[in-house]
C-alpha atoms as a PDB file:
ATOM      1  CA  MET A   1      18.230  38.513  15.155  1.00  0.00           C
ATOM      2  CA  SER A   2      15.272  37.182  16.567  1.00  0.00           C
ATOM      3  CA  GLU A   3      15.188  34.054  18.558  1.00  0.00           C
ATOM      4  CA  SER A   4      12.110  31.595  18.795  1.00  0.00           C
ATOM      5  CA  ARG A   5      11.588  29.185  21.204  1.00  0.00           C
ATOM      6  CA  ILE A   6       9.506  25.901  21.135  1.00  0.00           C
ATOM      7  CA  SER A   7       6.989  25.753  23.975  1.00  0.00           C
ATOM      8  CA  PRO A   8       7.088  22.948  26.199  1.00  0.00           C
ATOM      9  CA  GLU A   9       3.762  21.761  24.922  1.00  0.00           C
ATOM     10  CA  LEU A  10       5.235  21.360  21.208  1.00  0.00           C
ATOM     11  CA  VAL A  11       8.130  19.702  22.498  1.00  0.00           C
ATOM     12  CA  LEU A  12       5.657  17.124  24.379  1.00  0.00           C
ATOM     13  CA  ARG A  13       3.950  16.662  21.410  1.00  0.00           C
ATOM     14  CA  ILE A  14       6.957  15.984  19.104  1.00  0.00           C
ATOM     15  CA  ARG A  15       8.169  13.219  21.692  1.00  0.00           C
ATOM     16  CA  GLN A  16       4.847  11.753  21.543  1.00  0.00           C
ATOM     17  CA  ASP A  17       4.894  11.652  18.019  1.00  0.00           C
ATOM     18  CA  GLN A  18       8.254  10.036  17.727  1.00  0.00           C
ATOM     19  CA  GLN A  19       7.431   7.590  20.216  1.00  0.00           C
ATOM     20  CA  ALA A  20       4.094   6.658  18.039  1.00  0.00           C
ATOM     21  CA  VAL A  21       6.489   6.292  14.955  1.00  0.00           C
ATOM     22  CA  ALA A  22       8.678   3.865  16.633  1.00  0.00           C
ATOM     23  CA  ASP A  23       5.827   1.848  18.099  1.00  0.00           C
ATOM     24  CA  GLU A  24       4.623   1.591  14.728  1.00  0.00           C
ATOM     25  CA  LEU A  25       7.611   1.119  12.648  1.00  0.00           C
ATOM     26  CA  PRO A  26       8.202  -2.677  13.330  1.00  0.00           C
ATOM     27  CA  ASP A  27       4.476  -3.620  12.192  1.00  0.00           C
ATOM     28  CA  LEU A  28       5.312  -1.441   9.023  1.00  0.00           C
ATOM     29  CA  LYS A  29       8.397  -3.167   8.363  1.00  0.00           C
ATOM     30  CA  ALA A  30       6.793  -6.656   8.639  1.00  0.00           C
ATOM     31  CA  ARG A  31       3.801  -5.549   6.505  1.00  0.00           C
ATOM     32  CA  ASP A  32       6.378  -4.185   3.763  1.00  0.00           C
ATOM     33  CA  ALA A  33       8.211  -7.526   3.957  1.00  0.00           C
ATOM     34  CA  ARG A  34       5.033  -9.369   3.207  1.00  0.00           C
ATOM     35  CA  MET A  35       3.986  -7.121   0.116  1.00  0.00           C
ATOM     36  CA  PHE A  36       7.659  -7.738  -1.202  1.00  0.00           C
ATOM     37  CA  ASP A  37       7.046 -11.459  -0.868  1.00  0.00           C
ATOM     38  CA  ALA A  38       3.481 -11.452  -2.263  1.00  0.00           C
ATOM     39  CA  ALA A  39       4.506  -9.536  -5.289  1.00  0.00           C
ATOM     40  CA  ALA A  40       7.421 -11.863  -5.858  1.00  0.00           C
ATOM     41  CA  LYS A  41       5.322 -14.851  -6.228  1.00  0.00           C
ATOM     42  CA  ASP A  42       5.326 -16.177  -9.920  1.00  0.00           C
ATOM     43  CA  THR A  43       1.333 -16.351  -9.780  1.00  0.00           C
ATOM     44  CA  LEU A  44      -1.340 -14.297 -11.679  1.00  0.00           C
ATOM     45  CA  CYS A  45      -1.782 -12.526  -8.515  1.00  0.00           C
ATOM     46  CA  GLY A  46       1.792 -11.879  -8.227  1.00  0.00           C
ATOM     47  CA  HIS A  47       1.939 -10.396 -11.464  1.00  0.00           C
ATOM     48  CA  LEU A  48      -0.944  -8.323 -10.665  1.00  0.00           C
ATOM     49  CA  ARG A  49       0.562  -7.056  -7.556  1.00  0.00           C
ATOM     50  CA  ARG A  50       3.858  -6.158  -9.149  1.00  0.00           C
ATOM     51  CA  ALA A  51       1.954  -4.223 -11.915  1.00  0.00           C
ATOM     52  CA  VAL A  52      -0.175  -2.121  -9.353  1.00  0.00           C
ATOM     53  CA  HIS A  53       2.947  -1.421  -7.439  1.00  0.00           C
ATOM     54  CA  ALA A  54       4.488  -0.218 -10.852  1.00  0.00           C
ATOM     55  CA  SER A  55       1.370   1.894 -11.872  1.00  0.00           C
ATOM     56  CA  PRO A  56       2.106   5.628 -11.442  1.00  0.00           C
ATOM     57  CA  ARG A  57      -1.459   6.202 -10.052  1.00  0.00           C
ATOM     58  CA  PRO A  58      -1.733   6.229  -6.442  1.00  0.00           C
ATOM     59  CA  ILE A  59      -3.281   3.155  -4.326  1.00  0.00           C
ATOM     60  CA  ARG A  60      -6.252   4.898  -3.207  1.00  0.00           C
ATOM     61  CA  ASP A  61      -7.275   6.122  -6.812  1.00  0.00           C
ATOM     62  CA  ILE A  62      -6.833   2.588  -7.942  1.00  0.00           C
ATOM     63  CA  ALA A  63      -8.775   1.074  -5.254  1.00  0.00           C
ATOM     64  CA  LYS A  64     -11.465   3.739  -5.645  1.00  0.00           C
ATOM     65  CA  ASP A  65     -11.712   2.948  -9.451  1.00  0.00           C
ATOM     66  CA  SER A  66     -11.774  -0.774  -8.701  1.00  0.00           C
ATOM     67  CA  GLY A  67     -14.831  -0.418  -6.165  1.00  0.00           C
ATOM     68  CA  ILE A  68     -12.938  -1.425  -3.260  1.00  0.00           C
ATOM     69  CA  ASP A  69     -11.818  -0.111  -0.196  1.00  0.00           C
ATOM     70  CA  SER A  70      -8.034   1.119  -0.140  1.00  0.00           C
ATOM     71  CA  GLU A  71      -7.232  -1.012   2.865  1.00  0.00           C
ATOM     72  CA  LEU A  72      -8.580  -4.145   1.201  1.00  0.00           C
ATOM     73  CA  LEU A  73      -6.475  -3.276  -1.595  1.00  0.00           C
ATOM     74  CA  CYS A  74      -3.507  -2.955   0.448  1.00  0.00           C
ATOM     75  CA  ASP A  75      -4.323  -6.345   2.136  1.00  0.00           C
ATOM     76  CA  PHE A  76      -4.320  -7.944  -1.082  1.00  0.00           C
ATOM     77  CA  LEU A  77      -1.123  -6.534  -2.113  1.00  0.00           C
ATOM     78  CA  GLU A  78       0.248  -7.685   1.198  1.00  0.00           C
ATOM     79  CA  GLY A  79      -0.937 -11.199   0.612  1.00  0.00           C
ATOM     80  CA  THR A  80      -3.516 -11.300   3.656  1.00  0.00           C
ATOM     81  CA  ARG A  81      -6.593 -11.035   1.503  1.00  0.00           C
ATOM     82  CA  THR A  82      -7.909 -12.481  -1.810  1.00  0.00           C
ATOM     83  CA  LEU A  83     -10.046 -10.961  -4.173  1.00  0.00           C
ATOM     84  CA  GLN A  84     -12.855 -12.062  -6.397  1.00  0.00           C
ATOM     85  CA  SER A  85     -12.234 -12.503 -10.139  1.00  0.00           C
ATOM     86  CA  ASP A  86     -14.596  -9.683 -10.933  1.00  0.00           C
ATOM     87  CA  VAL A  87     -12.875  -7.336  -8.582  1.00  0.00           C
ATOM     88  CA  LEU A  88      -9.411  -8.508 -10.096  1.00  0.00           C
ATOM     89  CA  ASP A  89     -10.871  -7.640 -13.609  1.00  0.00           C
ATOM     90  CA  ARG A  90     -11.532  -4.059 -12.182  1.00  0.00           C
ATOM     91  CA  LEU A  91      -8.258  -3.707 -10.522  1.00  0.00           C
ATOM     92  CA  MET A  92      -6.289  -4.624 -13.760  1.00  0.00           C
ATOM     93  CA  GLN A  93      -8.330  -1.881 -15.531  1.00  0.00           C
ATOM     94  CA  ALA A  94      -7.889   0.462 -12.715  1.00  0.00           C
ATOM     95  CA  ALA A  95      -4.031  -0.237 -12.728  1.00  0.00           C
ATOM     96  CA  GLY A  96      -4.031   0.399 -16.775  1.00  0.00           C
ATOM     97  CA  ILE A  97      -3.125  -3.283 -17.001  1.00  0.00           C
ATOM     98  CA  ALA A  98      -3.411  -5.095 -20.359  1.00  0.00           C
ATOM     99  CA  VAL A  99      -3.038  -8.832 -20.281  1.00  0.00           C
ATOM    100  CA  THR A 100      -2.392 -10.693 -23.538  1.00  0.00           C
ATOM    101  CA  PHE A 101      -2.171 -14.666 -23.658  1.00  0.00           C
ATOM    102  CA  GLY A 102       0.094 -16.256 -26.020  1.00  0.00           C
ATOM    103  CA  ARG A 103      -0.296 -19.788 -27.399  1.00  0.00           C
END
């Protein structure tokens, strides 16, 4: 039976990566909470955010097909950025969202 050892350099790299994750985690948790709150709103944008989250398509693909950067889309989903109406229209199409209005 052979035994493999982890090099000291790899151990150091793993520890650095663990620390980077630990440092980033509070911000990621806060962003997740903002996304949840923004999607929970009973507004047109809240409904759109929920539909984007429910889409089986990756966010980066939806953003690309909407003609916007995925970071901008994430900011919109988080509720920290607004989008112009033409971008909202493209976002709906890219996410496969159909809107019907009842009377």
